[in-house]
C-alpha atoms as a PDB file:
ATOM      1  CA  MET A   1       0.000   0.000   0.000  1.00  0.00           C
ATOM      2  CA  ALA A   2       1.418   3.358  -0.998  1.00  0.00           C
ATOM      3  CA  ARG A   3       1.381   5.904   1.816  1.00  0.00           C
ATOM      4  CA  ARG A   4       0.956   9.629   2.265  1.00  0.00           C
ATOM      5  CA  LEU A   5       1.928  11.552   5.378  1.00  0.00           C
ATOM      6  CA  ILE A   6       0.657  14.528   7.290  1.00  0.00           C
ATOM      7  CA  ILE A   7       3.498  15.675   9.527  1.00  0.00           C
ATOM      8  CA  THR A   8       2.541  18.078  12.288  1.00  0.00           C
ATOM      9  CA  VAL A   9       5.057  20.399  13.927  1.00  0.00           C
ATOM     10  CA  CYS A  10       3.998  22.949  16.540  1.00  0.00           C
ATOM     11  CA  SER A  11       5.753  26.254  15.939  1.00  0.00           C
ATOM     12  CA  ARG A  12       4.685  27.479  19.399  1.00  0.00           C
ATOM     13  CA  GLU A  13       6.893  24.996  21.223  1.00  0.00           C
ATOM     14  CA  SER A  14      10.147  26.371  22.508  1.00  0.00           C
ATOM     15  CA  GLY A  15      13.392  24.488  22.432  1.00  0.00           C
ATOM     16  CA  VAL A  16      15.797  23.192  19.847  1.00  0.00           C
ATOM     17  CA  VAL A  17      17.043  19.836  18.698  1.00  0.00           C
ATOM     18  CA  VAL A  18      20.548  19.177  17.385  1.00  0.00           C
ATOM     19  CA  LEU A  19      20.777  16.552  14.653  1.00  0.00           C
ATOM     20  CA  PRO A  20      21.734  16.234  10.994  1.00  0.00           C
ATOM     21  CA  VAL A  21      18.988  16.929   8.478  1.00  0.00           C
ATOM     22  CA  GLU A  22      20.163  14.002   6.321  1.00  0.00           C
ATOM     23  CA  ARG A  23      22.589  11.176   7.069  1.00  0.00           C
ATOM     24  CA  GLY A  24      26.185  12.174   6.568  1.00  0.00           C
ATOM     25  CA  GLU A  25      25.588  15.869   7.240  1.00  0.00           C
ATOM     26  CA  ARG A  26      26.823  17.843  10.214  1.00  0.00           C
ATOM     27  CA  PRO A  27      24.293  18.277  13.023  1.00  0.00           C
ATOM     28  CA  SER A  28      22.286  21.500  12.977  1.00  0.00           C
ATOM     29  CA  ARG A  29      20.414  23.364  15.711  1.00  0.00           C
ATOM     30  CA  LEU A  30      16.756  23.287  14.682  1.00  0.00           C
ATOM     31  CA  ASP A  31      13.815  24.963  16.367  1.00  0.00           C
ATOM     32  CA  ALA A  32      10.255  23.951  15.456  1.00  0.00           C
ATOM     33  CA  ARG A  33      10.008  26.328  12.479  1.00  0.00           C
ATOM     34  CA  ALA A  34      13.334  25.070  11.109  1.00  0.00           C
ATOM     35  CA  VAL A  35      12.229  21.442  11.592  1.00  0.00           C
ATOM     36  CA  ALA A  36       9.083  22.094   9.524  1.00  0.00           C
ATOM     37  CA  ARG A  37      10.979  24.007   6.836  1.00  0.00           C
ATOM     38  CA  ARG A  38      13.671  21.334   6.534  1.00  0.00           C
ATOM     39  CA  LEU A  39      11.122  18.469   6.431  1.00  0.00           C
ATOM     40  CA  ARG A  40       9.386  20.229   3.514  1.00  0.00           C
ATOM     41  CA  ALA A  41      12.741  20.587   1.761  1.00  0.00           C
ATOM     42  CA  VAL A  42      13.621  16.903   2.304  1.00  0.00           C
ATOM     43  CA  ALA A  43      10.255  15.825   0.872  1.00  0.00           C
ATOM     44  CA  GLU A  44      10.833  18.062  -2.161  1.00  0.00           C
ATOM     45  CA  GLN A  45      14.407  16.831  -2.686  1.00  0.00           C
ATOM     46  CA  CYS A  46      13.309  13.199  -2.408  1.00  0.00           C
ATOM     47  CA  GLY A  47      10.513  13.660  -4.932  1.00  0.00           C
ATOM     48  CA  VAL A  48       7.745  12.803  -2.460  1.00  0.00           C
ATOM     49  CA  ALA A  49       6.317  16.258  -1.776  1.00  0.00           C
ATOM     50  CA  ASP A  50       3.062  15.176  -3.431  1.00  0.00           C
ATOM     51  CA  ARG A  51       2.647  12.594  -0.642  1.00  0.00           C
ATOM     52  CA  VAL A  52       4.020  14.559   2.318  1.00  0.00           C
ATOM     53  CA  LEU A  53       2.253  17.530   3.886  1.00  0.00           C
ATOM     54  CA  VAL A  54       4.004  19.371   6.704  1.00  0.00           C
ATOM     55  CA  ARG A  55       1.664  21.549   8.744  1.00  0.00           C
ATOM     56  CA  ASP A  56       1.804  23.798  11.774  1.00  0.00           C
ATOM     57  CA  ALA A  57      -0.483  22.589  14.570  1.00  0.00           C
ATOM     58  CA  CYS A  58      -0.300  20.994  17.998  1.00  0.00           C
ATOM     59  CA  ALA A  59       1.893  17.890  17.895  1.00  0.00           C
ATOM     60  CA  GLY A  60       1.493  17.047  21.579  1.00  0.00           C
ATOM     61  CA  GLY A  61       4.020  17.456  24.335  1.00  0.00           C
ATOM     62  CA  CYS A  62       3.161  21.078  25.106  1.00  0.00           C
ATOM     63  CA  SER A  63       4.264  20.770  28.724  1.00  0.00           C
ATOM     64  CA  GLY A  64       7.913  20.264  27.810  1.00  0.00           C
ATOM     65  CA  PRO A  65      10.395  21.794  25.419  1.00  0.00           C
ATOM     66  CA  GLY A  66      10.092  20.849  21.773  1.00  0.00           C
ATOM     67  CA  PRO A  67      10.305  20.685  18.990  1.00  0.00           C
ATOM     68  CA  ASN A  68       7.848  17.840  18.801  1.00  0.00           C
ATOM     69  CA  VAL A  69       6.545  16.120  15.696  1.00  0.00           C
ATOM     70  CA  SER A  70       3.628  13.807  15.018  1.00  0.00           C
ATOM     71  CA  VAL A  71       2.974  11.851  11.838  1.00  0.00           C
ATOM     72  CA  ALA A  72      -0.375  10.579  10.579  1.00  0.00           C
ATOM     73  CA  ILE A  73      -0.122   7.911   7.865  1.00  0.00           C
ATOM     74  CA  TYR A  74      -2.810   7.551   5.204  1.00  0.00           C
ATOM     75  CA  PRO A  75      -3.173   5.353   2.125  1.00  0.00           C
ATOM     76  CA  VAL A  76      -2.641   7.052  -1.223  1.00  0.00           C
ATOM     77  CA  THR A  77      -5.917   7.393  -3.089  1.00  0.00           C
ATOM     78  CA  ALA A  78      -6.337   6.418  -6.715  1.00  0.00           C
ATOM     79  CA  PRO A  79      -6.398   9.230  -9.279  1.00  0.00           C
ATOM     80  CA  GLY A  80      -9.813  10.859  -9.362  1.00  0.00           C
ATOM     81  CA  GLU A  81     -10.825   9.470  -5.958  1.00  0.00           C
ATOM     82  CA  ARG A  82     -11.367  11.694  -2.966  1.00  0.00           C
ATOM     83  CA  GLY A  83      -9.011  10.874  -0.104  1.00  0.00           C
ATOM     84  CA  ASP A  84     -10.438  10.368   3.327  1.00  0.00           C
ATOM     85  CA  GLN A  85      -8.888  11.518   6.582  1.00  0.00           C
ATOM     86  CA  VAL A  86      -8.857   8.153   8.324  1.00  0.00           C
ATOM     87  CA  ALA A  87      -5.284   7.386   9.326  1.00  0.00           C
ATOM     88  CA  VAL A  88      -4.099   3.805   9.003  1.00  0.00           C
ATOM     89  CA  SER A  89      -1.226   4.447  11.404  1.00  0.00           C
ATOM     90  CA  TRP A  90       0.512   7.229  13.302  1.00  0.00           C
ATOM     91  CA  LYS A  91       3.707   7.934  15.171  1.00  0.00           C
ATOM     92  CA  THR A  92       4.859  10.683  17.478  1.00  0.00           C
ATOM     93  CA  TYR A  93       8.296  12.083  18.154  1.00  0.00           C
ATOM     94  CA  VAL A  94       7.360  13.824  21.392  1.00  0.00           C
ATOM     95  CA  TYR A  95      10.571  14.408  23.368  1.00  0.00           C
ATOM     96  CA  THR A  96      12.409  11.872  21.134  1.00  0.00           C
ATOM     97  CA  LEU A  97      13.325  13.797  17.978  1.00  0.00           C
ATOM     98  CA  ALA A  98      16.968  14.117  19.084  1.00  0.00           C
ATOM     99  CA  THR A  99      17.312  10.311  19.217  1.00  0.00           C
ATOM    100  CA  LEU A 100      16.969   9.963  15.435  1.00  0.00           C
ATOM    101  CA  ASP A 101      19.949   9.454  13.130  1.00  0.00           C
ATOM    102  CA  CYS A 102      18.750  12.430  11.091  1.00  0.00           C
ATOM    103  CA  LEU A 103      15.636  14.544  10.568  1.00  0.00           C
ATOM    104  CA  ALA A 104      14.934  12.895   7.188  1.00  0.00           C
ATOM    105  CA  GLN A 105      14.270   9.670   9.106  1.00  0.00           C
ATOM    106  CA  VAL A 106      10.830  11.089  10.038  1.00  0.00           C
ATOM    107  CA  ILE A 107       9.848  10.832   6.372  1.00  0.00           C
ATOM    108  CA  GLU A 108      11.882   7.728   5.516  1.00  0.00           C
ATOM    109  CA  GLU A 109      10.584   5.446   8.243  1.00  0.00           C
ATOM    110  CA  ASN A 110       6.952   6.460   7.831  1.00  0.00           C
ATOM    111  CA  LEU A 111       6.584   6.775   4.064  1.00  0.00           C
ATOM    112  CA  ASP A 112       8.261   3.460   3.348  1.00  0.00           C
ATOM    113  CA  GLU A 113       6.216   0.366   2.805  1.00  0.00           C
ATOM    114  CA  PRO A 114       6.015  -1.896   5.859  1.00  0.00           C
ATOM    115  CA  HIS A 115       7.816  -4.667   3.971  1.00  0.00           C
ATOM    116  CA  GLY A 116      10.980  -2.591   3.811  1.00  0.00           C
ATOM    117  CA  SER A 117      10.952  -1.309   0.233  1.00  0.00           C
ATOM    118  CA  ARG A 118      12.653   2.081   0.247  1.00  0.00           C
ATOM    119  CA  HIS A 119      11.698   5.052  -1.884  1.00  0.00           C
ATOM    120  CA  THR A 120      14.592   6.441  -3.806  1.00  0.00           C
ATOM    121  CA  ARG A 121      15.501   9.805  -5.140  1.00  0.00           C
ATOM    122  CA  PRO A 122      14.946  10.094  -8.899  1.00  0.00           C
ATOM    123  CA  ALA A 123      18.068   9.612 -11.010  1.00  0.00           C
ATOM    124  CA  ARG A 124      19.904  12.812 -11.881  1.00  0.00           C
ATOM    125  CA  SER A 125      22.222  13.643 -14.703  1.00  0.00           C
ATOM    126  CA  GLY A 126      25.635  15.069 -13.938  1.00  0.00           C
ATOM    127  CA  PRO A 127      27.946  14.389 -11.018  1.00  0.00           C
ATOM    128  CA  PRO A 128      26.509  12.613  -7.997  1.00  0.00           C
ATOM    129  CA  SER A 129      25.257  14.748  -5.156  1.00  0.00           C
ATOM    130  CA  PRO A 130      27.208  14.609  -1.893  1.00  0.00           C
ATOM    131  CA  ARG A 131      23.879  14.216  -0.059  1.00  0.00           C
ATOM    132  CA  PRO A 132      22.778  10.702   0.835  1.00  0.00           C
ATOM    133  CA  ALA A 133      19.861   9.245  -1.113  1.00  0.00           C
ATOM    134  CA  CYS A 134      16.436   9.383   0.503  1.00  0.00           C
END
């Protein structure tokens, strides 16, 4: 089953997390707004922006420092069909975002099929990018 994600990040939460955006990069200090912005950029770079929506809303964990992220997982609807808002799964990164290998893992581990097939970045012409593949 193909998946689509709605990733929620609360921009009102204070605090920062220090982690690489993608594997192999240097860690960055990211507040909630930066987390949301960088998740959008990762989805775009990986060619999955049509299946990943990053929004600003309560992600839970308001009593402690953030940033906190929640992910709702939905099936992809067939062309011409109206998608429903009934999640088939969800995951939260409340107080645990800093434990990830990289921020891109939020998209990678939730957009991937449960059987382990990985989405890949579309092939590019020219020299390879120093960034790891999605």
